[in-house]
Protein backbone atom coordinates (compact mmCIF):
# COMPACT_ATOMS: atom_id res chain seq x y z
CA MET A 1 14.37 22.39 -5.73
CA SER A 2 13.32 24.89 -3.16
CA VAL A 3 10.14 26.82 -2.36
CA THR A 4 9.25 30.18 -1.05
CA ALA A 5 6.20 30.76 1.17
CA LEU A 6 3.93 33.55 0.11
CA GLY A 7 3.14 34.31 3.75
CA ASP A 8 3.77 33.28 7.24
CA LEU A 9 3.31 29.49 7.99
CA GLU A 10 3.88 27.07 10.79
CA VAL A 11 5.55 23.78 10.22
CA MET A 12 4.93 20.80 12.47
CA ARG A 13 7.00 17.63 12.18
CA LEU A 14 5.01 14.53 13.41
CA SER A 15 6.54 11.06 13.79
CA ALA A 16 4.78 8.16 12.44
CA MET A 17 3.84 6.95 15.74
CA VAL A 18 2.04 10.18 16.61
CA VAL A 19 0.24 10.12 13.21
CA ASN A 20 -0.87 6.50 13.65
CA GLN A 21 -2.11 7.36 17.16
CA MET A 22 -4.15 10.29 15.68
CA ILE A 23 -5.68 7.97 13.01
CA ASP A 24 -6.50 5.32 15.73
CA ARG A 25 -8.28 7.95 17.86
CA GLN A 26 -10.02 9.67 14.83
CA PRO A 27 -10.22 7.59 11.69
CA SER A 28 -11.60 10.46 9.78
CA PHE A 29 -8.24 12.04 10.06
CA ALA A 30 -6.70 9.71 7.56
CA ARG A 31 -9.36 10.47 5.06
CA GLU A 32 -8.85 14.19 5.61
CA LEU A 33 -5.10 13.98 5.37
CA SER A 34 -5.39 11.86 2.28
CA GLN A 35 -7.53 14.57 0.61
CA VAL A 36 -5.27 17.34 1.42
CA LEU A 37 -2.16 15.50 0.20
CA GLU A 38 -3.91 14.59 -3.11
CA MET A 39 -5.03 18.37 -3.69
CA ARG A 40 -1.32 19.41 -2.98
CA ARG A 41 0.01 16.62 -5.26
CA ARG A 42 -2.37 17.79 -8.11
CA ALA A 43 -1.28 21.49 -7.53
CA ILE A 44 2.33 20.61 -7.79
CA GLN A 45 1.73 18.44 -10.85
CA ALA A 46 -0.13 21.31 -12.56
CA ALA A 47 2.58 23.80 -11.68
CA MET A 48 5.33 21.56 -13.08
CA ASP A 49 3.26 20.78 -16.25
CA SER A 50 2.97 24.52 -16.85
CA VAL A 51 6.79 25.00 -16.58
CA ASP A 52 7.39 22.31 -19.49
């Protein structure tokens, strides 16, 4: 499966260690990241459901 971006984007690759450090410094980061991932998961699922 591949995707095509609709516009310019910037990608950052973070190690698990860096993410854990960010969470330790700012616990709300984990909640915000979780919310973004869940929204994206739902959008992907909706798109896949519409193809079937």
